[in-house]
Amino acid sequence: MELDSRKLHRSALAARALGIVIIAVAVLVLIGWAMNNEALKSVTVHGVAMKTNTAVGLLLAGTSLLLLLSRQISRGRRIVGMTLAAGVLAIAVLTFIQRPLGVDLRIDQLLFTEAPGAMYTTSPNRMGTPALVSFALAGMALLLTDYRLKSGRSPMQFCAVVILVVVTLPLLGYLTGARELYSIARLTAIAPHTAVALAMLAFALLAARADAPPVRLFFLDNAGGEMARRLLPAALLAPILLSSLRIFGMVRG
């Protein structure tokens, strides 16, 4: 079944808008680091700061997304977009290498330095595991923007769904007050605005190629598409509601 071109156009516009917002967030955070402005780095003055390489990764990913969003682009534009996507993946890989090897490649504090002892941080200015995993998936997703499996499915969308799963846990932690979901330095540590920006990136990746399954289902004008669209809000809100009720019950004994 052919999809409505107008719906696909609106989906692409949504992806573009999210990409612009992601770039804006990254630029503001980098300005915060340059000016040593805690409010820009951490949203709140005494909050968890978004790390420098995290902001750089978001800047590269958002720009790559905007460059690769259109299907008919010049070879030069595609090369630049793919290069930026490779940069996102490289940041994740180099950050990961430092952990098991116990080495410092000096990439964490290459642009700006952070004092030791920062909240939920294993090493000064080093991104946490959720951001690391998300950037690895985002880099691969952007490199595989127009690749399709024999089934027609898009690896790009698979990567985006996994990113959503990864950042949903810390977001639920911030919403419900479950600190373990966002404050364990080696496992779950992530700043709130980092989690939100990565969630936006995941949705932008899904919207960028909405004609590929499984996202395609939500754009079909049939009973299956109608049901999927009706159930989506409940599927998104149910984990938040159930987690909130669980925390409320624990607090009340």
C-alpha atoms as a PDB file:
ATOM      1  CA  MET A   1       0.000   0.000   0.000  1.00  0.00           C
ATOM      2  CA  GLU A   2       1.325   3.427  -1.006  1.00  0.00           C
ATOM      3  CA  LEU A   3       1.691   6.011   1.722  1.00  0.00           C
ATOM      4  CA  ASP A   4       0.234   9.501   1.544  1.00  0.00           C
ATOM      5  CA  SER A   5       3.034  11.771   0.298  1.00  0.00           C
ATOM      6  CA  ARG A   6       1.732  14.598   2.461  1.00  0.00           C
ATOM      7  CA  LYS A   7       2.170  12.507   5.613  1.00  0.00           C
ATOM      8  CA  LEU A   8       5.705  11.599   4.596  1.00  0.00           C
ATOM      9  CA  HIS A   9       6.434  15.268   3.924  1.00  0.00           C
ATOM     10  CA  ARG A  10       5.166  16.241   7.376  1.00  0.00           C
ATOM     11  CA  SER A  11       7.249  13.461   8.909  1.00  0.00           C
ATOM     12  CA  ALA A  12      10.359  14.771   7.153  1.00  0.00           C
ATOM     13  CA  LEU A  13       9.580  18.289   8.368  1.00  0.00           C
ATOM     14  CA  ALA A  14       9.278  16.969  11.936  1.00  0.00           C
ATOM     15  CA  ALA A  15      12.666  15.253  11.594  1.00  0.00           C
ATOM     16  CA  ARG A  16      14.178  18.498  10.292  1.00  0.00           C
ATOM     17  CA  ALA A  17      12.698  20.507  13.169  1.00  0.00           C
ATOM     18  CA  LEU A  18      14.022  18.026  15.736  1.00  0.00           C
ATOM     19  CA  GLY A  19      17.451  18.143  14.094  1.00  0.00           C
ATOM     20  CA  ILE A  20      17.525  21.928  14.386  1.00  0.00           C
ATOM     21  CA  VAL A  21      16.509  21.777  18.063  1.00  0.00           C
ATOM     22  CA  ILE A  22      19.231  19.186  18.759  1.00  0.00           C
ATOM     23  CA  ILE A  23      21.849  21.402  17.121  1.00  0.00           C
ATOM     24  CA  ALA A  24      20.629  24.405  19.136  1.00  0.00           C
ATOM     25  CA  VAL A  25      20.876  22.468  22.413  1.00  0.00           C
ATOM     26  CA  ALA A  26      24.412  21.316  21.559  1.00  0.00           C
ATOM     27  CA  VAL A  27      25.546  24.837  20.646  1.00  0.00           C
ATOM     28  CA  LEU A  28      24.106  26.316  23.852  1.00  0.00           C
ATOM     29  CA  VAL A  29      25.878  23.680  25.958  1.00  0.00           C
ATOM     30  CA  LEU A  30      29.193  24.310  24.196  1.00  0.00           C
ATOM     31  CA  ILE A  31      28.729  28.056  24.781  1.00  0.00           C
ATOM     32  CA  GLY A  32      28.092  27.206  28.421  1.00  0.00           C
ATOM     33  CA  TRP A  33      31.386  25.333  28.623  1.00  0.00           C
ATOM     34  CA  ALA A  34      33.243  28.166  26.869  1.00  0.00           C
ATOM     35  CA  MET A  35      31.754  30.775  29.243  1.00  0.00           C
ATOM     36  CA  ASN A  36      31.770  28.451  32.287  1.00  0.00           C
ATOM     37  CA  ASN A  37      28.037  29.047  32.615  1.00  0.00           C
ATOM     38  CA  GLU A  38      26.592  26.277  34.790  1.00  0.00           C
ATOM     39  CA  ALA A  39      23.002  27.050  33.776  1.00  0.00           C
ATOM     40  CA  LEU A  40      23.795  26.375  30.108  1.00  0.00           C
ATOM     41  CA  LYS A  41      25.864  23.284  30.862  1.00  0.00           C
ATOM     42  CA  SER A  42      23.475  21.759  33.367  1.00  0.00           C
ATOM     43  CA  VAL A  43      20.029  23.365  32.839  1.00  0.00           C
ATOM     44  CA  THR A  44      19.979  24.003  36.592  1.00  0.00           C
ATOM     45  CA  VAL A  45      22.904  25.609  38.386  1.00  0.00           C
ATOM     46  CA  HIS A  46      23.601  22.583  40.592  1.00  0.00           C
ATOM     47  CA  GLY A  47      22.516  19.906  38.140  1.00  0.00           C
ATOM     48  CA  VAL A  48      24.391  17.285  36.112  1.00  0.00           C
ATOM     49  CA  ALA A  49      26.356  18.813  33.245  1.00  0.00           C
ATOM     50  CA  MET A  50      26.173  17.587  29.677  1.00  0.00           C
ATOM     51  CA  LYS A  51      29.730  16.560  28.818  1.00  0.00           C
ATOM     52  CA  THR A  52      31.650  18.352  26.079  1.00  0.00           C
ATOM     53  CA  ASN A  53      31.937  15.355  23.756  1.00  0.00           C
ATOM     54  CA  THR A  54      28.239  14.655  24.258  1.00  0.00           C
ATOM     55  CA  ALA A  55      27.421  18.138  22.977  1.00  0.00           C
ATOM     56  CA  VAL A  56      29.849  17.677  20.072  1.00  0.00           C
ATOM     57  CA  GLY A  57      28.246  14.328  19.249  1.00  0.00           C
ATOM     58  CA  LEU A  58      24.772  15.876  19.243  1.00  0.00           C
ATOM     59  CA  LEU A  59      26.011  18.711  17.025  1.00  0.00           C
ATOM     60  CA  LEU A  60      27.524  16.267  14.525  1.00  0.00           C
ATOM     61  CA  ALA A  61      24.488  13.952  14.604  1.00  0.00           C
ATOM     62  CA  GLY A  62      21.982  16.767  14.154  1.00  0.00           C
ATOM     63  CA  THR A  63      23.945  18.277  11.268  1.00  0.00           C
ATOM     64  CA  SER A  64      24.425  14.887   9.621  1.00  0.00           C
ATOM     65  CA  LEU A  65      20.687  14.217   9.902  1.00  0.00           C
ATOM     66  CA  LEU A  66      19.826  17.509   8.187  1.00  0.00           C
ATOM     67  CA  LEU A  67      22.309  16.845   5.393  1.00  0.00           C
ATOM     68  CA  LEU A  68      21.126  13.283   4.736  1.00  0.00           C
ATOM     69  CA  LEU A  69      17.414  13.880   5.263  1.00  0.00           C
ATOM     70  CA  SER A  70      16.552  14.464   1.616  1.00  0.00           C
ATOM     71  CA  ARG A  71      16.749  11.424  -0.656  1.00  0.00           C
ATOM     72  CA  GLN A  72      18.020  13.339  -3.681  1.00  0.00           C
ATOM     73  CA  ILE A  73      21.212  15.061  -2.567  1.00  0.00           C
ATOM     74  CA  SER A  74      24.531  15.800  -4.195  1.00  0.00           C
ATOM     75  CA  ARG A  75      27.488  13.466  -3.812  1.00  0.00           C
ATOM     76  CA  GLY A  76      29.424  16.126  -1.895  1.00  0.00           C
ATOM     77  CA  ARG A  77      26.588  16.688   0.554  1.00  0.00           C
ATOM     78  CA  ARG A  78      26.283  12.942   1.122  1.00  0.00           C
ATOM     79  CA  ILE A  79      30.018  12.627   1.771  1.00  0.00           C
ATOM     80  CA  VAL A  80      29.913  15.439   4.349  1.00  0.00           C
ATOM     81  CA  GLY A  81      26.866  13.928   6.040  1.00  0.00           C
ATOM     82  CA  MET A  82      28.441  10.475   6.167  1.00  0.00           C
ATOM     83  CA  THR A  83      31.713  11.933   7.490  1.00  0.00           C
ATOM     84  CA  LEU A  84      29.867  13.643  10.340  1.00  0.00           C
ATOM     85  CA  ALA A  85      28.014  10.389  11.075  1.00  0.00           C
ATOM     86  CA  ALA A  86      31.358   8.568  11.199  1.00  0.00           C
ATOM     87  CA  GLY A  87      32.531  11.237  13.645  1.00  0.00           C
ATOM     88  CA  VAL A  88      29.589  10.459  15.952  1.00  0.00           C
ATOM     89  CA  LEU A  89      30.466   6.763  15.852  1.00  0.00           C
ATOM     90  CA  ALA A  90      34.169   7.524  16.419  1.00  0.00           C
ATOM     91  CA  ILE A  91      33.411   9.537  19.573  1.00  0.00           C
ATOM     92  CA  ALA A  92      31.482   6.583  20.993  1.00  0.00           C
ATOM     93  CA  VAL A  93      34.129   4.008  20.047  1.00  0.00           C
ATOM     94  CA  LEU A  94      37.056   6.021  21.415  1.00  0.00           C
ATOM     95  CA  THR A  95      35.186   6.728  24.652  1.00  0.00           C
ATOM     96  CA  PHE A  96      34.368   3.033  25.048  1.00  0.00           C
ATOM     97  CA  ILE A  97      37.983   1.941  24.403  1.00  0.00           C
ATOM     98  CA  GLN A  98      39.186   3.968  27.384  1.00  0.00           C
ATOM     99  CA  ARG A  99      37.124   1.952  29.881  1.00  0.00           C
ATOM    100  CA  PRO A 100      38.306  -1.671  29.604  1.00  0.00           C
ATOM    101  CA  LEU A 101      41.878  -0.650  28.755  1.00  0.00           C
ATOM    102  CA  GLY A 102      42.047   1.838  31.606  1.00  0.00           C
ATOM    103  CA  VAL A 103      43.709   4.440  29.383  1.00  0.00           C
ATOM    104  CA  ASP A 104      43.088   8.116  28.828  1.00  0.00           C
ATOM    105  CA  LEU A 105      43.160   9.067  25.148  1.00  0.00           C
ATOM    106  CA  ARG A 106      42.781  12.721  26.189  1.00  0.00           C
ATOM    107  CA  ILE A 107      39.628  13.178  24.135  1.00  0.00           C
ATOM    108  CA  ASP A 108      37.295  13.890  27.068  1.00  0.00           C
ATOM    109  CA  GLN A 109      38.958  17.176  28.013  1.00  0.00           C
ATOM    110  CA  LEU A 110      40.290  18.108  24.586  1.00  0.00           C
ATOM    111  CA  LEU A 111      38.061  21.184  24.274  1.00  0.00           C
ATOM    112  CA  PHE A 112      37.148  22.032  27.868  1.00  0.00           C
ATOM    113  CA  THR A 113      38.184  20.687  31.255  1.00  0.00           C
ATOM    114  CA  GLU A 114      36.007  19.591  34.153  1.00  0.00           C
ATOM    115  CA  ALA A 115      37.136  19.443  37.743  1.00  0.00           C
ATOM    116  CA  PRO A 116      37.386  15.952  39.327  1.00  0.00           C
ATOM    117  CA  GLY A 117      34.451  14.842  41.450  1.00  0.00           C
ATOM    118  CA  ALA A 118      31.622  15.919  39.148  1.00  0.00           C
ATOM    119  CA  MET A 119      28.243  14.303  39.861  1.00  0.00           C
ATOM    120  CA  TYR A 120      27.657  10.810  38.400  1.00  0.00           C
ATOM    121  CA  THR A 121      30.977  10.911  36.513  1.00  0.00           C
ATOM    122  CA  THR A 122      33.651   8.177  36.372  1.00  0.00           C
ATOM    123  CA  SER A 123      36.274  10.442  34.785  1.00  0.00           C
ATOM    124  CA  PRO A 124      36.206  14.234  34.323  1.00  0.00           C
ATOM    125  CA  ASN A 125      34.136  15.297  31.307  1.00  0.00           C
ATOM    126  CA  ARG A 126      33.585  11.692  30.115  1.00  0.00           C
ATOM    127  CA  MET A 127      30.090  10.791  28.904  1.00  0.00           C
ATOM    128  CA  GLY A 128      28.183   8.004  30.633  1.00  0.00           C
ATOM    129  CA  THR A 129      27.160   4.622  29.286  1.00  0.00           C
ATOM    130  CA  PRO A 130      23.666   5.592  28.002  1.00  0.00           C
ATOM    131  CA  ALA A 131      25.092   8.433  25.891  1.00  0.00           C
ATOM    132  CA  LEU A 132      27.980   6.267  24.694  1.00  0.00           C
ATOM    133  CA  VAL A 133      25.646   3.480  23.528  1.00  0.00           C
ATOM    134  CA  SER A 134      23.224   5.965  21.980  1.00  0.00           C
ATOM    135  CA  PHE A 135      25.938   7.687  19.959  1.00  0.00           C
ATOM    136  CA  ALA A 136      27.263   4.368  18.680  1.00  0.00           C
ATOM    137  CA  LEU A 137      23.764   3.469  17.479  1.00  0.00           C
ATOM    138  CA  ALA A 138      23.095   6.950  16.090  1.00  0.00           C
ATOM    139  CA  GLY A 139      26.344   6.928  14.123  1.00  0.00           C
ATOM    140  CA  MET A 140      25.500   3.546  12.596  1.00  0.00           C
ATOM    141  CA  ALA A 141      21.932   4.663  11.884  1.00  0.00           C
ATOM    142  CA  LEU A 142      23.082   7.730   9.979  1.00  0.00           C
ATOM    143  CA  LEU A 143      25.654   5.749   8.019  1.00  0.00           C
ATOM    144  CA  LEU A 144      22.857   3.328   7.021  1.00  0.00           C
ATOM    145  CA  THR A 145      20.247   6.017   6.305  1.00  0.00           C
ATOM    146  CA  ASP A 146      19.037   4.583   2.990  1.00  0.00           C
ATOM    147  CA  TYR A 147      20.079   0.960   3.421  1.00  0.00           C
ATOM    148  CA  ARG A 148      17.282  -1.613   3.451  1.00  0.00           C
ATOM    149  CA  LEU A 149      17.278  -5.292   4.382  1.00  0.00           C
ATOM    150  CA  LYS A 150      15.689  -7.840   2.031  1.00  0.00           C
ATOM    151  CA  SER A 151      12.548  -7.641   4.154  1.00  0.00           C
ATOM    152  CA  GLY A 152      12.389  -3.895   3.478  1.00  0.00           C
ATOM    153  CA  ARG A 153      13.149  -3.018   7.085  1.00  0.00           C
ATOM    154  CA  SER A 154      15.535  -0.201   7.901  1.00  0.00           C
ATOM    155  CA  PRO A 155      18.521  -0.726  10.256  1.00  0.00           C
ATOM    156  CA  MET A 156      18.279   3.006  10.878  1.00  0.00           C
ATOM    157  CA  GLN A 157      14.904   2.573  12.545  1.00  0.00           C
ATOM    158  CA  PHE A 158      16.084  -0.416  14.566  1.00  0.00           C
ATOM    159  CA  CYS A 159      18.967   1.654  15.945  1.00  0.00           C
ATOM    160  CA  ALA A 160      16.567   4.510  16.741  1.00  0.00           C
ATOM    161  CA  VAL A 161      14.225   2.208  18.676  1.00  0.00           C
ATOM    162  CA  VAL A 162      17.123   0.874  20.760  1.00  0.00           C
ATOM    163  CA  ILE A 163      18.234   4.450  21.510  1.00  0.00           C
ATOM    164  CA  LEU A 164      14.712   5.177  22.759  1.00  0.00           C
ATOM    165  CA  VAL A 165      14.835   2.132  25.027  1.00  0.00           C
ATOM    166  CA  VAL A 166      18.240   3.183  26.394  1.00  0.00           C
ATOM    167  CA  VAL A 167      17.217   6.765  27.248  1.00  0.00           C
ATOM    168  CA  THR A 168      13.705   5.926  28.446  1.00  0.00           C
ATOM    169  CA  LEU A 169      15.042   4.406  31.682  1.00  0.00           C
ATOM    170  CA  PRO A 170      16.896   7.527  32.865  1.00  0.00           C
ATOM    171  CA  LEU A 171      14.001   9.718  31.733  1.00  0.00           C
ATOM    172  CA  LEU A 172      11.657   7.617  33.861  1.00  0.00           C
ATOM    173  CA  GLY A 173      14.150   7.950  36.693  1.00  0.00           C
ATOM    174  CA  TYR A 174      14.080  11.743  36.486  1.00  0.00           C
ATOM    175  CA  LEU A 175      10.292  11.825  36.203  1.00  0.00           C
ATOM    176  CA  THR A 176       9.640   9.443  39.103  1.00  0.00           C
ATOM    177  CA  GLY A 177      12.601  10.222  41.359  1.00  0.00           C
ATOM    178  CA  ALA A 178      14.224   6.784  40.958  1.00  0.00           C
ATOM    179  CA  ARG A 179      17.842   7.953  41.188  1.00  0.00           C
ATOM    180  CA  GLU A 180      19.332   4.541  40.384  1.00  0.00           C
ATOM    181  CA  LEU A 181      18.048   4.878  36.810  1.00  0.00           C
ATOM    182  CA  TYR A 182      20.225   7.931  36.084  1.00  0.00           C
ATOM    183  CA  SER A 183      22.885   8.269  38.794  1.00  0.00           C
ATOM    184  CA  ILE A 184      25.050   5.110  38.770  1.00  0.00           C
ATOM    185  CA  ALA A 185      28.300   6.462  37.333  1.00  0.00           C
ATOM    186  CA  ARG A 186      29.425   3.372  35.374  1.00  0.00           C
ATOM    187  CA  LEU A 187      25.986   2.224  34.226  1.00  0.00           C
ATOM    188  CA  THR A 188      23.170   4.757  34.049  1.00  0.00           C
ATOM    189  CA  ALA A 189      24.689   8.220  34.556  1.00  0.00           C
ATOM    190  CA  ILE A 190      23.272  10.823  32.197  1.00  0.00           C
ATOM    191  CA  ALA A 191      22.202  14.456  32.417  1.00  0.00           C
ATOM    192  CA  PRO A 192      18.468  15.137  31.983  1.00  0.00           C
ATOM    193  CA  HIS A 193      18.867  17.369  28.920  1.00  0.00           C
ATOM    194  CA  THR A 194      21.209  14.795  27.374  1.00  0.00           C
ATOM    195  CA  ALA A 195      18.524  12.120  27.724  1.00  0.00           C
ATOM    196  CA  VAL A 196      15.889  14.443  26.228  1.00  0.00           C
ATOM    197  CA  ALA A 197      18.158  15.423  23.317  1.00  0.00           C
ATOM    198  CA  LEU A 198      18.975  11.776  22.556  1.00  0.00           C
ATOM    199  CA  ALA A 199      15.269  10.891  22.664  1.00  0.00           C
ATOM    200  CA  MET A 200      14.618  13.693  20.163  1.00  0.00           C
ATOM    201  CA  LEU A 201      17.415  12.326  17.985  1.00  0.00           C
ATOM    202  CA  ALA A 202      15.815   8.876  18.064  1.00  0.00           C
ATOM    203  CA  PHE A 203      12.420  10.269  17.046  1.00  0.00           C
ATOM    204  CA  ALA A 204      14.085  12.302  14.288  1.00  0.00           C
ATOM    205  CA  LEU A 205      15.761   9.161  12.920  1.00  0.00           C
ATOM    206  CA  LEU A 206      12.410   7.350  12.930  1.00  0.00           C
ATOM    207  CA  ALA A 207      10.654  10.234  11.187  1.00  0.00           C
ATOM    208  CA  ALA A 208      13.403  10.673   8.606  1.00  0.00           C
ATOM    209  CA  ARG A 209      12.485   7.434   6.802  1.00  0.00           C
ATOM    210  CA  ALA A 210       8.874   6.869   7.816  1.00  0.00           C
ATOM    211  CA  ASP A 211       8.141   4.829   4.683  1.00  0.00           C
ATOM    212  CA  ALA A 212      10.104   1.820   5.994  1.00  0.00           C
ATOM    213  CA  PRO A 213       8.645  -0.722   8.440  1.00  0.00           C
ATOM    214  CA  PRO A 214       7.890  -0.762  11.316  1.00  0.00           C
ATOM    215  CA  VAL A 215       7.253   3.016  11.410  1.00  0.00           C
ATOM    216  CA  ARG A 216       5.430   2.695   8.090  1.00  0.00           C
ATOM    217  CA  LEU A 217       2.565   1.008   9.937  1.00  0.00           C
ATOM    218  CA  PHE A 218       1.656   4.260  11.713  1.00  0.00           C
ATOM    219  CA  PHE A 219       1.134   6.039   8.376  1.00  0.00           C
ATOM    220  CA  LEU A 220      -1.132   3.471   6.721  1.00  0.00           C
ATOM    221  CA  ASP A 221      -4.738   4.453   6.025  1.00  0.00           C
ATOM    222  CA  ASN A 222      -6.235   1.141   7.101  1.00  0.00           C
ATOM    223  CA  ALA A 223      -7.471  -0.574  10.258  1.00  0.00           C
ATOM    224  CA  GLY A 224      -3.955  -1.630  11.295  1.00  0.00           C
ATOM    225  CA  GLY A 225      -2.574   1.890  10.951  1.00  0.00           C
ATOM    226  CA  GLU A 226      -5.545   3.365  12.811  1.00  0.00           C
ATOM    227  CA  MET A 227      -5.130   0.939  15.697  1.00  0.00           C
ATOM    228  CA  ALA A 228      -1.364   1.548  15.885  1.00  0.00           C
ATOM    229  CA  ARG A 229      -1.902   5.313  16.063  1.00  0.00           C
ATOM    230  CA  ARG A 230      -4.521   4.916  18.796  1.00  0.00           C
ATOM    231  CA  LEU A 231      -2.361   2.616  20.912  1.00  0.00           C
ATOM    232  CA  LEU A 232       0.872   4.634  20.585  1.00  0.00           C
ATOM    233  CA  PRO A 233       0.026   7.299  23.241  1.00  0.00           C
ATOM    234  CA  ALA A 234      -0.960   4.587  25.729  1.00  0.00           C
ATOM    235  CA  ALA A 235       2.234   2.639  25.007  1.00  0.00           C
ATOM    236  CA  LEU A 236       4.323   5.761  25.672  1.00  0.00           C
ATOM    237  CA  LEU A 237       2.465   6.871  28.803  1.00  0.00           C
ATOM    238  CA  ALA A 238       1.903   3.484  30.458  1.00  0.00           C
ATOM    239  CA  PRO A 239       5.529   2.993  31.648  1.00  0.00           C
ATOM    240  CA  ILE A 240       5.566   6.495  33.149  1.00  0.00           C
ATOM    241  CA  LEU A 241       2.252   5.971  34.933  1.00  0.00           C
ATOM    242  CA  LEU A 242       3.152   2.494  36.250  1.00  0.00           C
ATOM    243  CA  SER A 243       6.583   3.660  37.439  1.00  0.00           C
ATOM    244  CA  SER A 244       5.056   6.673  39.172  1.00  0.00           C
ATOM    245  CA  LEU A 245       2.504   4.479  40.945  1.00  0.00           C
ATOM    246  CA  ARG A 246       5.245   2.083  42.050  1.00  0.00           C
ATOM    247  CA  ILE A 247       7.399   4.894  43.475  1.00  0.00           C
ATOM    248  CA  PHE A 248       4.346   6.420  45.186  1.00  0.00           C
ATOM    249  CA  GLY A 249       3.544   3.030  46.745  1.00  0.00           C
ATOM    250  CA  MET A 250       7.114   2.535  47.962  1.00  0.00           C
ATOM    251  CA  VAL A 251       7.190   6.001  49.544  1.00  0.00           C
ATOM    252  CA  ARG A 252       3.852   5.366  51.249  1.00  0.00           C
ATOM    253  CA  GLY A 253       4.966   1.924  52.457  1.00  0.00           C
END
